[in-house]
N, C-alpha and C. Protein backbone atom coordinates (compact mmCIF):
# COMPACT_ATOMS: atom_id res chain seq x y z
N MET A 1 40.11 0.71 4.21
CA MET A 1 38.84 0.51 3.52
C MET A 1 38.67 1.63 2.49
N SER A 2 38.37 1.25 1.28
CA SER A 2 38.27 2.25 0.22
C SER A 2 36.98 3.05 0.36
N MET A 3 36.99 4.22 -0.23
CA MET A 3 35.83 5.11 -0.15
C MET A 3 34.62 4.48 -0.85
N MET A 4 34.83 3.80 -1.98
CA MET A 4 33.73 3.18 -2.70
C MET A 4 33.09 2.07 -1.86
N LYS A 5 33.92 1.29 -1.16
CA LYS A 5 33.39 0.22 -0.33
C LYS A 5 32.58 0.79 0.83
N GLU A 6 33.09 1.86 1.45
CA GLU A 6 32.35 2.51 2.53
C GLU A 6 31.02 3.06 2.03
N PHE A 7 31.05 3.69 0.84
CA PHE A 7 29.81 4.24 0.28
C PHE A 7 28.82 3.13 -0.02
N LYS A 8 29.30 2.01 -0.57
CA LYS A 8 28.42 0.89 -0.89
C LYS A 8 27.75 0.36 0.38
N GLU A 9 28.51 0.19 1.46
CA GLU A 9 27.94 -0.27 2.72
C GLU A 9 26.91 0.72 3.25
N PHE A 10 27.20 1.99 3.11
CA PHE A 10 26.29 3.04 3.58
C PHE A 10 25.00 3.04 2.76
N ALA A 11 25.14 2.96 1.44
CA ALA A 11 23.98 3.09 0.55
C ALA A 11 23.08 1.86 0.57
N ILE A 12 23.63 0.71 0.87
CA ILE A 12 22.84 -0.52 0.79
C ILE A 12 22.22 -0.90 2.13
N LYS A 13 22.51 -0.17 3.18
CA LYS A 13 21.89 -0.46 4.47
C LYS A 13 20.38 -0.42 4.30
N GLY A 14 19.67 -1.29 5.03
CA GLY A 14 18.22 -1.40 4.91
C GLY A 14 17.50 -0.08 5.14
N ASN A 15 17.87 0.65 6.18
CA ASN A 15 17.18 1.90 6.48
C ASN A 15 17.36 2.92 5.37
N MET A 16 18.54 2.95 4.77
CA MET A 16 18.81 3.91 3.70
C MET A 16 17.93 3.62 2.49
N VAL A 17 17.81 2.36 2.12
CA VAL A 17 16.99 1.99 0.98
C VAL A 17 15.52 2.29 1.27
N ASP A 18 15.07 1.95 2.48
CA ASP A 18 13.69 2.25 2.87
C ASP A 18 13.41 3.74 2.81
N MET A 19 14.37 4.54 3.29
CA MET A 19 14.20 5.99 3.29
C MET A 19 14.13 6.52 1.84
N ALA A 20 14.98 5.99 0.97
CA ALA A 20 14.97 6.44 -0.43
C ALA A 20 13.64 6.12 -1.09
N VAL A 21 13.13 4.92 -0.85
CA VAL A 21 11.83 4.54 -1.41
C VAL A 21 10.75 5.47 -0.86
N GLY A 22 10.80 5.75 0.43
CA GLY A 22 9.82 6.66 1.04
C GLY A 22 9.86 8.05 0.44
N ILE A 23 11.05 8.55 0.19
CA ILE A 23 11.19 9.89 -0.40
C ILE A 23 10.62 9.92 -1.81
N ILE A 24 10.91 8.89 -2.60
CA ILE A 24 10.40 8.84 -3.98
C ILE A 24 8.88 8.75 -3.98
N ILE A 25 8.33 7.87 -3.15
CA ILE A 25 6.87 7.74 -3.08
C ILE A 25 6.25 9.03 -2.54
N GLY A 26 6.91 9.64 -1.56
CA GLY A 26 6.41 10.90 -1.00
C GLY A 26 6.36 12.01 -2.04
N GLY A 27 7.39 12.06 -2.89
CA GLY A 27 7.40 13.07 -3.96
C GLY A 27 6.25 12.86 -4.93
N ALA A 28 6.03 11.60 -5.30
CA ALA A 28 4.92 11.31 -6.21
C ALA A 28 3.58 11.60 -5.54
N PHE A 29 3.47 11.26 -4.25
CA PHE A 29 2.24 11.53 -3.51
C PHE A 29 1.97 13.02 -3.44
N GLY A 30 3.03 13.81 -3.26
CA GLY A 30 2.88 15.27 -3.22
C GLY A 30 2.33 15.82 -4.53
N LYS A 31 2.78 15.28 -5.66
CA LYS A 31 2.27 15.72 -6.97
C LYS A 31 0.80 15.36 -7.12
N ILE A 32 0.44 14.18 -6.65
CA ILE A 32 -0.97 13.76 -6.73
C ILE A 32 -1.84 14.69 -5.88
N ILE A 33 -1.39 15.01 -4.69
CA ILE A 33 -2.16 15.89 -3.81
C ILE A 33 -2.25 17.30 -4.40
N SER A 34 -1.16 17.79 -4.98
CA SER A 34 -1.20 19.12 -5.62
C SER A 34 -2.23 19.14 -6.74
N SER A 35 -2.26 18.09 -7.53
CA SER A 35 -3.25 18.01 -8.60
C SER A 35 -4.66 17.92 -8.02
N LEU A 36 -4.83 17.13 -6.97
CA LEU A 36 -6.14 17.02 -6.33
C LEU A 36 -6.63 18.39 -5.87
N VAL A 37 -5.77 19.14 -5.23
CA VAL A 37 -6.17 20.45 -4.72
C VAL A 37 -6.46 21.43 -5.86
N SER A 38 -5.49 21.56 -6.78
CA SER A 38 -5.65 22.58 -7.82
C SER A 38 -6.65 22.21 -8.91
N ASP A 39 -6.80 20.91 -9.20
CA ASP A 39 -7.66 20.50 -10.31
C ASP A 39 -9.02 19.95 -9.90
N VAL A 40 -9.15 19.49 -8.64
CA VAL A 40 -10.40 18.88 -8.22
C VAL A 40 -11.10 19.67 -7.11
N ILE A 41 -10.36 20.07 -6.08
CA ILE A 41 -11.00 20.73 -4.93
C ILE A 41 -11.25 22.21 -5.18
N MET A 42 -10.25 22.93 -5.67
CA MET A 42 -10.38 24.39 -5.80
C MET A 42 -11.37 24.85 -6.88
N PRO A 43 -11.48 24.18 -8.04
CA PRO A 43 -12.47 24.66 -9.02
C PRO A 43 -13.91 24.70 -8.50
N PRO A 44 -14.41 23.65 -7.82
CA PRO A 44 -15.78 23.78 -7.29
C PRO A 44 -15.91 24.87 -6.22
N ILE A 45 -14.87 25.02 -5.39
CA ILE A 45 -14.91 26.08 -4.38
C ILE A 45 -14.95 27.44 -5.07
N GLY A 46 -14.13 27.60 -6.10
CA GLY A 46 -14.14 28.85 -6.87
C GLY A 46 -15.47 29.09 -7.54
N MET A 47 -16.09 28.02 -8.06
CA MET A 47 -17.39 28.16 -8.72
C MET A 47 -18.45 28.59 -7.71
N LEU A 48 -18.41 28.01 -6.50
CA LEU A 48 -19.37 28.39 -5.47
C LEU A 48 -19.18 29.85 -5.04
N MET A 49 -17.98 30.36 -5.20
CA MET A 49 -17.69 31.74 -4.81
C MET A 49 -17.84 32.70 -5.98
N GLY A 50 -18.52 32.27 -7.04
CA GLY A 50 -18.80 33.17 -8.16
C GLY A 50 -17.78 33.08 -9.28
N GLY A 51 -17.24 31.93 -9.54
CA GLY A 51 -16.31 31.75 -10.65
C GLY A 51 -14.90 32.23 -10.37
N VAL A 52 -14.48 32.19 -9.13
CA VAL A 52 -13.15 32.66 -8.75
C VAL A 52 -12.13 31.56 -9.01
N ASP A 53 -11.02 31.92 -9.65
CA ASP A 53 -9.90 30.98 -9.80
C ASP A 53 -8.85 31.39 -8.79
N PHE A 54 -8.66 30.56 -7.78
CA PHE A 54 -7.75 30.92 -6.69
C PHE A 54 -6.31 31.07 -7.16
N ALA A 55 -5.90 30.35 -8.18
CA ALA A 55 -4.52 30.45 -8.65
C ALA A 55 -4.22 31.86 -9.17
N ASP A 56 -5.24 32.58 -9.61
CA ASP A 56 -5.04 33.93 -10.14
C ASP A 56 -5.22 35.02 -9.09
N LYS A 57 -5.61 34.66 -7.89
CA LYS A 57 -5.86 35.67 -6.85
C LYS A 57 -4.54 36.22 -6.32
N ALA A 58 -4.44 37.54 -6.32
CA ALA A 58 -3.22 38.20 -5.84
C ALA A 58 -3.55 39.64 -5.48
N VAL A 59 -2.71 40.20 -4.63
CA VAL A 59 -2.80 41.62 -4.29
C VAL A 59 -1.62 42.30 -4.98
N ILE A 60 -1.90 43.28 -5.83
CA ILE A 60 -0.86 43.99 -6.57
C ILE A 60 -0.26 45.06 -5.64
N LEU A 61 1.03 44.92 -5.37
CA LEU A 61 1.72 45.90 -4.53
C LEU A 61 2.26 47.06 -5.36
N LYS A 62 2.70 46.73 -6.58
CA LYS A 62 3.23 47.76 -7.47
C LYS A 62 2.88 47.35 -8.90
N GLU A 63 2.23 48.23 -9.61
CA GLU A 63 1.83 47.97 -10.98
C GLU A 63 3.06 47.82 -11.88
N ALA A 64 2.88 47.09 -12.97
CA ALA A 64 3.96 46.94 -13.95
C ALA A 64 4.20 48.30 -14.61
N ALA A 65 5.48 48.59 -14.84
CA ALA A 65 5.84 49.85 -15.49
C ALA A 65 6.91 49.56 -16.54
N GLY A 66 6.55 49.73 -17.80
CA GLY A 66 7.51 49.46 -18.87
C GLY A 66 7.88 47.99 -18.90
N GLU A 67 9.17 47.72 -18.79
CA GLU A 67 9.63 46.33 -18.82
C GLU A 67 9.69 45.72 -17.42
N VAL A 68 9.42 46.50 -16.40
CA VAL A 68 9.44 46.00 -15.02
C VAL A 68 8.09 45.33 -14.73
N GLU A 69 8.16 44.07 -14.26
CA GLU A 69 6.93 43.33 -13.97
C GLU A 69 6.29 43.85 -12.68
N ALA A 70 5.00 43.56 -12.55
CA ALA A 70 4.27 43.97 -11.35
C ALA A 70 4.74 43.15 -10.16
N VAL A 71 4.66 43.77 -8.99
CA VAL A 71 4.98 43.08 -7.74
C VAL A 71 3.65 42.70 -7.10
N ALA A 72 3.47 41.39 -6.85
CA ALA A 72 2.18 40.93 -6.35
C ALA A 72 2.36 39.88 -5.27
N LEU A 73 1.43 39.86 -4.32
CA LEU A 73 1.35 38.79 -3.33
C LEU A 73 0.30 37.80 -3.83
N SER A 74 0.73 36.62 -4.23
CA SER A 74 -0.18 35.62 -4.80
C SER A 74 -0.78 34.77 -3.69
N TYR A 75 -1.81 35.31 -3.04
CA TYR A 75 -2.41 34.59 -1.93
C TYR A 75 -3.25 33.40 -2.39
N GLY A 76 -3.68 33.38 -3.62
CA GLY A 76 -4.44 32.24 -4.16
C GLY A 76 -3.56 31.01 -4.28
N VAL A 77 -2.36 31.18 -4.80
CA VAL A 77 -1.41 30.07 -4.91
C VAL A 77 -1.03 29.60 -3.50
N PHE A 78 -0.85 30.56 -2.59
CA PHE A 78 -0.54 30.22 -1.20
C PHE A 78 -1.67 29.38 -0.60
N THR A 79 -2.91 29.75 -0.87
CA THR A 79 -4.06 28.99 -0.37
C THR A 79 -4.01 27.55 -0.88
N ASN A 80 -3.70 27.38 -2.17
CA ASN A 80 -3.57 26.03 -2.74
C ASN A 80 -2.49 25.24 -2.02
N HIS A 81 -1.35 25.87 -1.75
CA HIS A 81 -0.26 25.18 -1.08
C HIS A 81 -0.61 24.82 0.36
N VAL A 82 -1.35 25.69 1.04
CA VAL A 82 -1.78 25.39 2.41
C VAL A 82 -2.70 24.17 2.39
N LEU A 83 -3.63 24.11 1.44
CA LEU A 83 -4.52 22.95 1.34
C LEU A 83 -3.71 21.69 1.01
N ASP A 84 -2.73 21.80 0.10
CA ASP A 84 -1.84 20.67 -0.19
C ASP A 84 -1.23 20.14 1.10
N PHE A 85 -0.66 21.05 1.87
CA PHE A 85 0.01 20.67 3.11
C PHE A 85 -0.95 20.00 4.07
N LEU A 86 -2.13 20.57 4.26
CA LEU A 86 -3.09 20.00 5.20
C LEU A 86 -3.51 18.59 4.80
N ILE A 87 -3.72 18.37 3.51
CA ILE A 87 -4.12 17.04 3.05
C ILE A 87 -2.98 16.04 3.24
N VAL A 88 -1.77 16.43 2.88
CA VAL A 88 -0.61 15.53 3.06
C VAL A 88 -0.39 15.26 4.54
N ALA A 89 -0.47 16.30 5.38
CA ALA A 89 -0.27 16.12 6.81
C ALA A 89 -1.32 15.18 7.39
N PHE A 90 -2.56 15.32 6.96
CA PHE A 90 -3.62 14.44 7.45
C PHE A 90 -3.38 13.00 6.99
N ALA A 91 -2.97 12.82 5.74
CA ALA A 91 -2.70 11.47 5.24
C ALA A 91 -1.56 10.82 6.02
N ILE A 92 -0.50 11.57 6.28
CA ILE A 92 0.63 11.04 7.05
C ILE A 92 0.19 10.73 8.48
N PHE A 93 -0.62 11.60 9.05
CA PHE A 93 -1.14 11.35 10.40
C PHE A 93 -1.91 10.04 10.45
N MET A 94 -2.75 9.79 9.45
CA MET A 94 -3.54 8.56 9.42
C MET A 94 -2.64 7.33 9.29
N VAL A 95 -1.59 7.42 8.47
CA VAL A 95 -0.66 6.29 8.31
C VAL A 95 0.07 6.02 9.63
N VAL A 96 0.58 7.08 10.26
CA VAL A 96 1.30 6.92 11.52
C VAL A 96 0.36 6.38 12.60
N LYS A 97 -0.87 6.88 12.62
CA LYS A 97 -1.85 6.40 13.60
C LYS A 97 -2.12 4.92 13.39
N GLY A 98 -2.25 4.48 12.15
CA GLY A 98 -2.46 3.06 11.86
C GLY A 98 -1.28 2.20 12.28
N ILE A 99 -0.07 2.67 12.01
CA ILE A 99 1.13 1.93 12.39
C ILE A 99 1.23 1.83 13.91
N ASN A 100 0.97 2.95 14.61
CA ASN A 100 1.01 2.94 16.07
C ASN A 100 -0.05 1.99 16.64
N SER A 101 -1.22 1.95 16.02
CA SER A 101 -2.28 1.05 16.46
C SER A 101 -1.84 -0.41 16.32
N MET A 102 -1.20 -0.73 15.21
CA MET A 102 -0.71 -2.10 15.01
C MET A 102 0.38 -2.44 16.02
N LYS A 103 1.26 -1.48 16.32
CA LYS A 103 2.32 -1.73 17.30
C LYS A 103 1.73 -1.97 18.68
N ARG A 104 0.67 -1.22 19.05
CA ARG A 104 0.04 -1.41 20.35
C ARG A 104 -0.59 -2.79 20.44
N LYS A 105 -1.21 -3.26 19.35
CA LYS A 105 -1.82 -4.59 19.35
C LYS A 105 -0.75 -5.66 19.52
N GLU A 106 0.39 -5.48 18.87
CA GLU A 106 1.49 -6.45 19.01
C GLU A 106 2.02 -6.45 20.44
N ALA A 107 2.15 -5.25 21.03
CA ALA A 107 2.67 -5.15 22.39
C ALA A 107 1.67 -5.71 23.40
N ALA A 108 0.39 -5.57 23.12
CA ALA A 108 -0.64 -6.04 24.04
C ALA A 108 -0.76 -7.56 24.03
N ALA A 109 -0.39 -8.21 22.94
CA ALA A 109 -0.47 -9.67 22.86
C ALA A 109 0.51 -10.26 23.87
N PRO A 110 0.02 -11.15 24.74
CA PRO A 110 0.92 -11.71 25.76
C PRO A 110 1.97 -12.62 25.11
N ALA A 111 3.14 -12.56 25.66
CA ALA A 111 4.22 -13.40 25.15
C ALA A 111 4.01 -14.82 25.64
N ALA A 112 4.37 -15.77 24.80
CA ALA A 112 4.23 -17.17 25.18
C ALA A 112 5.18 -17.47 26.33
N PRO A 113 4.74 -18.31 27.29
CA PRO A 113 5.64 -18.63 28.39
C PRO A 113 6.88 -19.35 27.87
N PRO A 114 8.02 -19.11 28.50
CA PRO A 114 9.24 -19.73 28.00
C PRO A 114 9.19 -21.25 28.16
N GLU A 115 9.83 -21.93 27.23
CA GLU A 115 9.90 -23.39 27.29
C GLU A 115 10.68 -23.80 28.53
N PRO A 116 10.24 -24.88 29.20
CA PRO A 116 11.00 -25.34 30.36
C PRO A 116 12.35 -25.92 29.91
N SER A 117 13.33 -25.80 30.79
CA SER A 117 14.66 -26.32 30.46
C SER A 117 14.63 -27.85 30.45
N LYS A 118 15.67 -28.44 29.92
CA LYS A 118 15.75 -29.90 29.86
C LYS A 118 15.70 -30.51 31.26
N GLU A 119 16.35 -29.85 32.22
CA GLU A 119 16.35 -30.34 33.59
C GLU A 119 14.94 -30.34 34.17
N GLU A 120 14.20 -29.25 33.91
CA GLU A 120 12.84 -29.16 34.42
C GLU A 120 11.95 -30.24 33.82
N VAL A 121 12.13 -30.48 32.52
CA VAL A 121 11.33 -31.52 31.85
C VAL A 121 11.66 -32.88 32.47
N LEU A 122 12.93 -33.16 32.66
CA LEU A 122 13.36 -34.44 33.25
C LEU A 122 12.84 -34.58 34.68
N LEU A 123 12.94 -33.54 35.48
CA LEU A 123 12.43 -33.60 36.85
C LEU A 123 10.92 -33.79 36.88
N THR A 124 10.20 -33.18 35.94
CA THR A 124 8.75 -33.35 35.86
C THR A 124 8.42 -34.80 35.53
N GLU A 125 9.16 -35.40 34.62
CA GLU A 125 8.92 -36.80 34.26
C GLU A 125 9.19 -37.71 35.47
N ILE A 126 10.27 -37.43 36.19
CA ILE A 126 10.60 -38.24 37.39
C ILE A 126 9.49 -38.09 38.42
N ARG A 127 9.03 -36.88 38.65
CA ARG A 127 7.95 -36.64 39.60
C ARG A 127 6.69 -37.42 39.22
N ASP A 128 6.34 -37.36 37.93
CA ASP A 128 5.14 -38.06 37.47
C ASP A 128 5.28 -39.56 37.64
N LEU A 129 6.48 -40.12 37.38
CA LEU A 129 6.71 -41.55 37.56
C LEU A 129 6.62 -41.94 39.03
N LEU A 130 7.13 -41.08 39.91
CA LEU A 130 7.05 -41.36 41.35
C LEU A 130 5.62 -41.33 41.84
N LYS A 131 4.79 -40.45 41.29
CA LYS A 131 3.39 -40.37 41.69
C LYS A 131 2.65 -41.63 41.29
N LYS A 132 3.00 -42.19 40.13
CA LYS A 132 2.32 -43.38 39.64
C LYS A 132 2.66 -44.61 40.47
N SER A 133 3.86 -44.66 41.01
CA SER A 133 4.26 -45.86 41.73
C SER A 133 4.02 -45.81 43.21
């Protein structure tokens, strides 16, 4: 079996395609959430705290000297990323919770009784005919 044929079988499997679509959508969803946090949620919070822009918040460990840049801990950017993570984690939790709920409903639905075999149907007909006569 050639390597290209093996790769084609691997790449076209249903789970692989589903996973690729999920990764692409997840990446786009992550960008939307990042924008939501940095452009929609954090500005009002900063305004309520006296006009603070969290993206600029940092603790300077070493001042810039000459051509050497300052060393800083950017805790504001970290705060934005933590909020990004919490929102994405909550959204994924809600999706998984919904899927699990649907699976439980499917499992709770009783299965239809199995169809009787041809022999059982024939014996039932014979029994009914005998009862009538």
